[in-house]
Structure formats: C-alpha cells, structure tokens
Amino acid sequence: MKKVLTLLTAFAISASASSTVIACGSKSKDEVINLDFTSKSKTVAAAKTVYDTFKGDNAPSENSNLVINFNLPGDINGSVKFSNKQYKDIFTSENNTEILNSLNKTVRGNVENKDDLKDVEQNMQKAFNNYFVTKAFMDDMKKSFENAGSNNLGTVNVKDAYSEKVNKKTEYDDLTSKVESWMSSTLSVEIPENTFISWLDLDYSSLAGWKISIKLMIDSNGNHIYDDADKDQPESNQIGLDVKQLKSNSTQAEVDAENKKESWMDKAKNSVALGIYKFKLFLQQLVLTNGKDWLEEVTINLLVGFGGQAISLIPALKALLKVPGAEFILNKLILIPLSSKLAKPLVNMIVDWANNNAKA
C-alpha cells in the first residue's frame, strides 16, 4: 500500500506543481530532468525540482520536448514528455482562452434525425442568450435579409429564395454565410457539417431585445445546397438567437468587452473545464510516453496493493495470512492472476483513450 500511496503522491505533486527547465544548446534537443522519489531525502529534493520545472515560466524551446524521468519505490520507473505547446496548455494560462473556445465550441460532425437537431437547437440557444450587438450590426443584418427577399415580417426561407420566381439564391447564400460567420467568430458556435440554414427570421421591432431565428435542415447528399433531394429531410424547430443593444450609441469595442464578462458561475464552470482538460492532457502524455506494457505493470501493482490491503482488513483472512506460506500463495495464485485479468481491459481502454485524445 505504501507503494501505491507513493506513486499517487508523486503523480499528484507532478500534476499540481508548477519552474526552471535545464537549457539546451540545440533547439531540436530534448531537455531532460531526472526525479528520484525512492527515499524521503530524495523526495524532498525532487519536489523542489518539480516546483521549479512546472512553475509555468520554463517551457521547452519551440522545437524540443521536456522529458521527465522519474524513479519511484518498488522499482517503478517511467517518463513523461511535453512539447512546448503541451507544457503551456497544462502549466500556464497562456493558451486558456484558445482552449476554452475549443471546449465550448457548439459543433457536431453530423446529425441524423430530429432528436439530434433538437440537441443542436438547445445548445445554440444557450450560447446566444441575450448576446450584445450594436445597432449598426442589426441595421446591416436587416439589409442582408431584405436583399435575400425577406417578407414584411422579416422571414425568408431557402425554398422560396432558390425558386425561379424569387431568384435570390446568391443573396440567400450570402445571408446564411453572414449569420454562420457571426456565430462562429463571436462564440465559436458552428452548425453541424451535414446541415444548412433552411429558414431565417429577423425580429428587429422590439425595444427590449432583438432576435435572429434560424432553422436547420439535414443535407441529404452533403453538397451544402438545397435541392430536390432535401425536400423531405428533417428540419429543426425555430432556433432563437436572442440579442440586445447595450446602449443606443454603444461601439463595437464596448459591446465586445461586455460580452467577454463572465458571471461567477461561468468562471467556476470554465475553471473546472480547464482543470479537467489539463489533467487529461497530462495523463495522455504519461500513458503515451511510457506505453502499454508499462501502464499494465503499474496497474497490476496497484491492484495487487489495494487487494492485499483490503484482505488484511478482514479479521479471519488476516489471521489466515499468519500461516507460513499463505501470503506467498495468496499473491502468486490469487491476487496477481486476478489483478492481471482486471488490468488488461482497463489498460486497453486507457491506451485507446490516450491515442484518440491525442488525435482529437
């Protein structure tokens, strides 16, 4: 059990601490640090090195990696490797905005049915809940709606715009491109890849707030153009993107600053999301650097340690273990085989996750 606790403690120190990296003459050469946790005195020295290494201001040079080799009690040795970007993502706040934008991006590769469209609808409406815009923005949007052939209620749909009678295909495509670009640039909200905007409505009459509403239709053949093949395709409900004016004469800079303000709830959610992302990236690198066999060996040792500790807490079995040879038999015939059997599917799952996470 001491081995288990030491292992977990060392990883916790490494993941939470934050220093100085040994400089290298060549940018392409990896920067290497060795940590030894095999005794109390060495652990104290290693902890100081960990702090200096992960303090946040000593990322490896652009084209090199930071490689950390560690030795733990029980002959457990391993490494973890970070690129310049990975180091900054995990141990600094430099890339936090970029990370959060990626994590919060409302986009799905594909949707298949009405239920999928409903999920997209809910996510988009949450993102655009009273989002601030300028009057100039709404005036420009109104002009684009009118150019696309909107009726006196501010509504336009793809079927009518593409018809020979109305003949507003180019203007309609320009309008939908403008709306999609606005959603993507402001809140990183994107429509699913196999959909297109099939209907729009502009409510610019209210004094309290305005609304840009859209409907999405599944694109049957993936050409991003409405045609005969899409006539019977599922369409979302009306997706209302609520916007409002900050002040009658507010500038774009003022609006942008107001939209960037976070509530305490948003800050808490973002902190949790960043923490999970950084830990997952650290774990990913730990797994990928050391490989499947290493992870399996460590996992088996952990399970054996936990199993032995649990058995020692059962009075009847604790007494039985005092019989000569009983502990050897328990480990050799029960704990190790059982731990190996449990470890393999778990390790396979973790390695698959690490590989997939690295590709994402």
Protein backbone atom coordinates (compact mmCIF):
# COMPACT_ATOMS: atom_id res chain seq x y z
CA MET A 1 0.00 0.00 0.00
CA LYS A 2 2.92 2.33 0.67
CA LYS A 3 4.00 1.83 -2.94
CA VAL A 4 0.53 2.78 -4.11
CA LEU A 5 0.39 5.91 -1.98
CA THR A 6 3.89 6.94 -3.01
CA LEU A 7 3.02 6.51 -6.68
CA LEU A 8 -0.18 8.53 -6.41
CA THR A 9 1.50 11.22 -4.31
CA ALA A 10 4.33 11.60 -6.80
CA PHE A 11 1.89 11.95 -9.69
CA ALA A 12 -0.20 14.44 -7.71
CA ILE A 13 2.88 16.55 -6.97
CA SER A 14 3.89 16.46 -10.62
CA ALA A 15 0.44 17.35 -11.89
CA SER A 16 -0.24 20.21 -9.48
CA ALA A 17 3.18 21.78 -9.02
CA SER A 18 4.44 24.18 -11.38
CA SER A 19 9.95 26.22 -12.98
CA THR A 20 13.00 26.09 -14.42
CA VAL A 21 13.95 23.86 -17.30
CA ILE A 22 17.51 22.89 -17.96
CA ALA A 23 18.56 24.88 -21.01
CA CYS A 24 19.92 23.14 -24.07
CA GLY A 25 22.26 24.43 -26.73
CA SER A 26 20.27 22.98 -29.62
CA LYS A 27 16.59 23.71 -30.19
CA SER A 28 15.99 20.21 -31.53
CA LYS A 29 17.50 18.51 -28.47
CA ASP A 30 15.09 17.37 -25.77
CA GLU A 31 15.51 18.87 -22.32
CA VAL A 32 15.76 16.10 -19.72
CA ILE A 33 15.09 16.19 -15.97
CA ASN A 34 15.51 13.23 -13.61
CA LEU A 35 13.37 12.89 -10.47
CA ASP A 36 14.02 10.35 -7.73
CA PHE A 37 11.29 9.59 -5.17
CA THR A 38 12.84 6.43 -3.76
CA SER A 39 13.62 7.87 -0.30
CA LYS A 40 12.44 10.70 1.93
CA SER A 41 15.53 12.84 1.40
CA LYS A 42 15.47 12.32 -2.37
CA THR A 43 11.72 13.07 -2.46
CA VAL A 44 12.30 16.46 -0.80
CA ALA A 45 14.92 17.36 -3.39
CA ALA A 46 12.74 16.04 -6.22
CA ALA A 47 9.74 18.06 -5.01
CA LYS A 48 11.80 21.25 -5.27
CA THR A 49 12.79 20.32 -8.83
CA VAL A 50 9.17 19.56 -9.67
CA TYR A 51 8.13 23.01 -8.46
CA ASP A 52 10.90 24.72 -10.40
CA THR A 53 10.06 22.71 -13.51
CA PHE A 54 6.30 23.19 -13.56
CA LYS A 55 6.04 26.72 -12.17
CA GLY A 56 4.87 27.80 -15.59
CA ASP A 57 7.61 30.04 -16.97
CA ASN A 58 10.07 27.46 -18.25
CA ALA A 59 8.53 25.76 -21.25
CA PRO A 60 10.88 23.76 -23.51
CA SER A 61 12.08 25.58 -26.59
CA GLU A 62 9.80 25.64 -29.62
CA ASN A 63 11.14 22.57 -31.44
CA SER A 64 12.10 20.42 -28.47
CA ASN A 65 10.40 18.45 -25.70
CA LEU A 66 10.69 18.43 -21.95
CA VAL A 67 11.33 14.83 -20.85
CA ILE A 68 10.95 13.98 -17.16
CA ASN A 69 12.28 10.65 -15.95
CA PHE A 70 11.08 9.50 -12.52
CA ASN A 71 12.03 6.71 -10.14
CA LEU A 72 9.51 5.53 -7.54
CA PRO A 73 9.73 2.98 -4.71
CA GLY A 74 9.11 -0.60 -5.76
CA ASP A 75 11.32 -0.35 -8.84
CA ILE A 76 8.71 1.69 -10.71
CA ASN A 77 10.42 3.85 -13.31
CA GLY A 78 8.85 5.94 -16.03
CA SER A 79 8.88 9.13 -18.06
CA VAL A 80 6.53 11.82 -19.22
CA LYS A 81 7.16 14.06 -22.23
CA PHE A 82 5.72 17.50 -23.07
CA SER A 83 6.07 19.59 -26.21
CA ASN A 84 6.27 23.38 -25.95
CA LYS A 85 2.52 23.74 -26.57
CA GLN A 86 1.57 20.88 -24.24
CA TYR A 87 3.65 22.41 -21.45
CA LYS A 88 1.95 25.80 -21.94
CA ASP A 89 -1.51 24.21 -22.18
CA ILE A 90 -1.08 22.34 -18.89
CA PHE A 91 1.09 24.53 -16.67
CA THR A 92 0.39 28.10 -17.81
CA SER A 93 -2.67 30.24 -18.56
CA GLU A 94 -1.21 31.45 -21.88
CA ASN A 95 -3.49 29.26 -24.03
CA ASN A 96 -6.55 29.19 -21.73
CA THR A 97 -8.72 31.35 -23.98
CA GLU A 98 -7.94 29.22 -27.01
CA ILE A 99 -8.60 26.03 -25.01
CA LEU A 100 -11.94 27.31 -23.68
CA ASN A 101 -13.06 28.38 -27.15
CA SER A 102 -12.33 24.88 -28.40
CA LEU A 103 -14.04 23.21 -25.41
CA ASN A 104 -17.11 25.43 -25.66
CA LYS A 105 -17.46 25.13 -29.42
CA THR A 106 -21.00 24.08 -30.28
CA VAL A 107 -20.44 21.87 -33.29
CA ARG A 108 -21.33 18.33 -34.18
CA GLY A 109 -19.79 16.37 -37.01
CA ASN A 110 -23.13 15.04 -38.22
CA VAL A 111 -26.75 14.83 -37.19
CA GLU A 112 -29.07 12.04 -38.19
CA ASN A 113 -32.58 12.85 -37.05
CA LYS A 114 -34.96 15.27 -35.38
CA ASP A 115 -33.66 14.44 -31.90
CA ASP A 116 -30.11 15.36 -32.93
CA LEU A 117 -31.38 18.65 -34.32
CA LYS A 118 -33.14 19.29 -31.02
CA ASP A 119 -29.82 18.96 -29.15
CA VAL A 120 -28.19 21.45 -31.52
CA GLU A 121 -31.13 23.83 -31.06
CA GLN A 122 -30.79 23.80 -27.26
CA ASN A 123 -27.02 24.32 -27.33
CA MET A 124 -27.23 27.26 -29.71
CA GLN A 125 -29.97 28.99 -27.75
CA LYS A 126 -27.95 28.68 -24.53
CA ALA A 127 -24.95 30.26 -26.23
CA PHE A 128 -26.90 33.22 -27.60
CA ASN A 129 -28.89 34.16 -24.53
CA ASN A 130 -29.11 37.98 -24.62
CA TYR A 131 -25.84 38.43 -26.50
CA PHE A 132 -24.98 42.10 -27.02
CA VAL A 133 -24.76 43.61 -30.52
CA THR A 134 -24.62 47.13 -31.91
CA LYS A 135 -27.44 48.87 -33.74
CA ALA A 136 -25.13 49.12 -36.76
CA PHE A 137 -24.80 45.32 -36.75
CA MET A 138 -28.59 44.89 -36.77
CA ASP A 139 -29.03 47.53 -39.50
CA ASP A 140 -26.52 45.65 -41.67
CA MET A 141 -28.23 42.33 -40.92
CA LYS A 142 -31.64 43.81 -41.80
CA LYS A 143 -30.28 44.96 -45.17
CA SER A 144 -28.96 41.46 -45.89
CA PHE A 145 -32.38 39.96 -45.03
CA GLU A 146 -34.11 42.37 -47.40
CA ASN A 147 -31.60 41.63 -50.17
CA ALA A 148 -32.38 37.90 -49.75
CA GLY A 149 -36.09 38.56 -50.31
CA SER A 150 -37.49 38.56 -46.75
CA ASN A 151 -41.16 39.34 -46.39
CA ASN A 152 -42.62 42.21 -44.38
CA LEU A 153 -42.32 40.09 -41.23
CA GLY A 154 -38.59 39.65 -41.73
CA THR A 155 -38.78 35.99 -42.76
CA VAL A 156 -37.04 34.21 -45.64
CA ASN A 157 -36.64 30.53 -46.49
CA VAL A 158 -34.37 28.59 -48.80
CA LYS A 159 -37.15 27.04 -50.89
CA ASP A 160 -38.58 30.42 -51.90
CA ALA A 161 -35.20 32.14 -52.31
CA TYR A 162 -33.96 29.35 -54.62
CA SER A 163 -37.17 29.36 -56.71
CA GLU A 164 -37.16 30.78 -60.23
CA LYS A 165 -39.90 33.19 -59.23
CA VAL A 166 -37.92 34.88 -56.43
CA ASN A 167 -34.42 34.11 -57.83
CA LYS A 168 -32.47 35.17 -54.73
CA LYS A 169 -30.13 32.19 -54.37
CA THR A 170 -26.92 34.23 -54.28
CA GLU A 171 -28.33 36.76 -51.82
CA TYR A 172 -29.74 33.99 -49.60
CA ASP A 173 -26.40 32.18 -49.56
CA ASP A 174 -24.69 35.48 -48.66
CA LEU A 175 -27.11 35.96 -45.77
CA THR A 176 -26.64 32.47 -44.35
CA SER A 177 -22.86 32.81 -44.70
CA LYS A 178 -23.00 36.08 -42.77
CA VAL A 179 -25.06 34.54 -39.96
CA GLU A 180 -22.81 31.46 -39.74
CA SER A 181 -19.67 33.61 -39.74
CA TRP A 182 -21.09 35.78 -36.96
CA MET A 183 -21.97 32.75 -34.81
CA SER A 184 -18.54 31.22 -35.32
CA SER A 185 -16.49 34.38 -34.73
CA THR A 186 -18.38 35.54 -31.64
CA LEU A 187 -18.98 32.37 -29.62
CA SER A 188 -17.37 29.61 -31.71
CA VAL A 189 -20.82 28.21 -32.48
CA GLU A 190 -20.99 26.26 -35.72
CA ILE A 191 -23.80 24.36 -37.36
CA PRO A 192 -23.29 20.61 -37.92
CA GLU A 193 -21.39 19.69 -41.06
CA ASN A 194 -24.30 17.93 -42.78
CA THR A 195 -26.87 20.69 -42.30
CA PHE A 196 -27.67 24.05 -43.85
CA ILE A 197 -29.82 27.00 -42.77
CA SER A 198 -33.21 26.49 -44.36
CA TRP A 199 -35.16 29.39 -42.81
CA LEU A 200 -34.37 32.73 -41.14
CA ASP A 201 -36.32 35.40 -39.34
CA LEU A 202 -35.21 38.81 -38.07
CA ASP A 203 -37.17 40.38 -35.20
CA TYR A 204 -35.88 43.94 -35.04
CA SER A 205 -39.04 45.63 -33.80
CA SER A 206 -38.85 45.06 -30.04
CA LEU A 207 -37.48 47.76 -27.76
CA ALA A 208 -36.43 45.27 -25.06
CA GLY A 209 -34.47 42.88 -27.23
CA TRP A 210 -33.98 41.54 -30.72
CA LYS A 211 -33.84 38.03 -32.14
CA ILE A 212 -32.29 36.31 -35.12
CA SER A 213 -34.00 32.97 -35.65
CA ILE A 214 -32.96 30.12 -37.91
CA LYS A 215 -33.98 26.58 -38.79
CA LEU A 216 -31.56 23.86 -39.83
CA MET A 217 -32.24 21.13 -42.37
CA ILE A 218 -30.25 17.93 -42.80
CA ASP A 219 -28.37 17.93 -46.10
CA SER A 220 -29.10 14.54 -47.68
CA ASN A 221 -26.22 14.47 -50.19
CA GLY A 222 -23.65 16.66 -48.46
CA ASN A 223 -23.39 19.29 -51.20
CA HIS A 224 -24.47 22.13 -48.84
CA ILE A 225 -27.03 23.24 -51.42
CA TYR A 226 -30.78 22.92 -51.20
CA ASP A 227 -32.09 20.71 -53.99
CA ASP A 228 -34.88 18.22 -54.72
CA ALA A 229 -33.16 15.54 -52.61
CA ASP A 230 -33.60 17.71 -49.48
CA LYS A 231 -37.33 18.38 -49.75
CA ASP A 232 -38.37 15.70 -47.26
CA GLN A 233 -35.35 15.95 -44.96
CA PRO A 234 -35.87 16.61 -41.21
CA GLU A 235 -35.84 20.27 -40.20
CA SER A 236 -35.20 21.71 -36.76
CA ASN A 237 -37.61 23.80 -34.80
CA GLN A 238 -37.08 27.54 -34.75
CA ILE A 239 -33.75 28.32 -33.07
CA GLY A 240 -33.97 31.75 -31.49
CA LEU A 241 -30.67 33.60 -31.04
CA ASP A 242 -31.54 36.36 -28.56
CA VAL A 243 -29.52 39.55 -28.90
CA LYS A 244 -29.88 43.01 -27.41
CA GLN A 245 -28.47 46.50 -27.51
CA LEU A 246 -26.03 47.60 -24.80
CA LYS A 247 -26.66 51.32 -25.27
CA SER A 248 -28.15 53.29 -28.14
CA ASN A 249 -24.74 54.61 -29.10
CA SER A 250 -22.52 51.72 -27.94
CA THR A 251 -19.43 50.97 -30.01
CA GLN A 252 -18.31 47.52 -31.16
CA ALA A 253 -15.42 47.67 -28.68
CA GLU A 254 -17.81 48.32 -25.77
CA VAL A 255 -20.09 45.50 -26.89
CA ASP A 256 -17.17 43.07 -27.20
CA ALA A 257 -15.94 43.97 -23.72
CA GLU A 258 -19.40 43.42 -22.20
CA ASN A 259 -19.84 40.06 -23.94
CA LYS A 260 -16.50 38.90 -22.55
CA LYS A 261 -17.55 39.49 -18.95
CA GLU A 262 -18.13 36.27 -17.06
CA SER A 263 -20.54 35.58 -14.24
CA TRP A 264 -19.18 33.78 -11.18
CA MET A 265 -20.95 30.65 -12.44
CA ASP A 266 -19.27 30.93 -15.85
CA LYS A 267 -15.88 31.41 -14.18
CA ALA A 268 -16.43 28.33 -12.00
CA LYS A 269 -17.52 26.22 -14.99
CA ASN A 270 -14.53 27.40 -17.02
CA SER A 271 -12.12 26.66 -14.17
CA VAL A 272 -13.48 23.11 -13.86
CA ALA A 273 -13.38 22.59 -17.65
CA LEU A 274 -9.77 23.82 -17.82
CA GLY A 275 -8.74 21.65 -14.87
CA ILE A 276 -10.21 18.52 -16.46
CA TYR A 277 -8.61 19.33 -19.83
CA LYS A 278 -5.17 19.91 -18.30
CA PHE A 279 -5.31 16.73 -16.20
CA LYS A 280 -6.44 14.67 -19.21
CA LEU A 281 -3.58 16.06 -21.30
CA PHE A 282 -1.09 15.25 -18.52
CA LEU A 283 -2.48 11.71 -18.23
CA GLN A 284 -2.43 11.31 -22.01
CA GLN A 285 1.26 12.19 -22.14
CA LEU A 286 2.07 9.90 -19.21
CA VAL A 287 0.41 6.96 -20.98
CA LEU A 288 1.79 7.66 -24.45
CA THR A 289 5.35 8.29 -23.23
CA ASN A 290 5.60 5.02 -21.29
CA GLY A 291 3.48 2.71 -23.42
CA LYS A 292 1.00 -0.08 -22.80
CA ASP A 293 3.34 -2.59 -21.11
CA TRP A 294 4.49 -0.05 -18.53
CA LEU A 295 0.94 1.00 -17.74
CA GLU A 296 -0.14 -2.63 -17.38
CA GLU A 297 2.68 -3.38 -14.95
CA VAL A 298 1.89 -0.32 -12.82
CA THR A 299 -1.85 -1.06 -12.87
CA ILE A 300 -1.28 -4.68 -11.77
CA ASN A 301 0.95 -3.48 -8.91
CA LEU A 302 -1.71 -1.00 -7.85
CA LEU A 303 -4.47 -3.65 -7.91
CA VAL A 304 -2.31 -6.14 -6.02
CA GLY A 305 -1.52 -3.47 -3.43
CA PHE A 306 -5.16 -2.50 -2.99
CA GLY A 307 -6.25 -6.14 -2.91
CA GLY A 308 -3.68 -7.06 -0.27
CA GLN A 309 -4.64 -4.09 1.86
CA ALA A 310 -8.35 -4.95 1.63
CA ILE A 311 -7.74 -8.59 2.57
CA SER A 312 -5.63 -7.57 5.57
CA LEU A 313 -8.62 -5.67 6.94
CA ILE A 314 -10.77 -8.83 7.14
CA PRO A 315 -10.09 -10.43 10.57
CA ALA A 316 -10.50 -14.07 9.51
CA LEU A 317 -8.25 -13.69 6.46
CA LYS A 318 -5.76 -11.60 8.41
CA ALA A 319 -5.31 -14.48 10.86
CA LEU A 320 -5.03 -16.96 7.99
CA LEU A 321 -2.20 -14.96 6.43
CA LYS A 322 -0.05 -15.68 9.51
CA VAL A 323 0.20 -19.33 8.40
CA PRO A 324 3.64 -19.92 6.81
CA GLY A 325 3.49 -19.68 3.04
CA ALA A 326 -0.09 -18.33 2.99
CA GLU A 327 0.88 -14.84 1.87
CA PHE A 328 3.03 -16.20 -0.99
CA ILE A 329 0.17 -18.46 -2.17
CA LEU A 330 -2.31 -15.57 -1.92
CA ASN A 331 -0.15 -13.29 -4.07
CA LYS A 332 1.04 -15.93 -6.55
CA LEU A 333 -2.21 -17.82 -7.11
CA ILE A 334 -4.93 -15.28 -6.43
CA LEU A 335 -4.01 -11.59 -6.29
CA ILE A 336 -1.54 -11.37 -9.19
CA PRO A 337 -3.58 -13.51 -11.67
CA LEU A 338 -6.80 -11.71 -10.73
CA SER A 339 -5.13 -8.29 -10.95
CA SER A 340 -3.65 -9.18 -14.34
CA LYS A 341 -7.06 -10.23 -15.61
CA LEU A 342 -8.65 -7.00 -14.38
CA ALA A 343 -5.78 -4.79 -15.55
CA LYS A 344 -5.68 -5.78 -19.23
CA PRO A 345 -9.11 -4.48 -20.34
CA LEU A 346 -8.64 -1.38 -18.17
CA VAL A 347 -5.23 -0.68 -19.69
CA ASN A 348 -6.52 -1.27 -23.23
CA MET A 349 -9.30 1.22 -22.58
CA ILE A 350 -6.90 3.84 -21.19
CA VAL A 351 -4.39 3.44 -24.04
CA ASP A 352 -7.17 3.65 -26.65
CA TRP A 353 -8.47 6.78 -24.93
CA ALA A 354 -4.98 8.37 -24.85
CA ASN A 355 -4.44 7.68 -28.56
CA ASN A 356 -7.85 9.03 -29.50
CA ASN A 357 -7.44 12.07 -27.25
CA ALA A 358 -4.09 12.86 -28.89
CA LYS A 359 -5.72 12.76 -32.34
CA ALA A 360 -8.64 15.00 -31.34
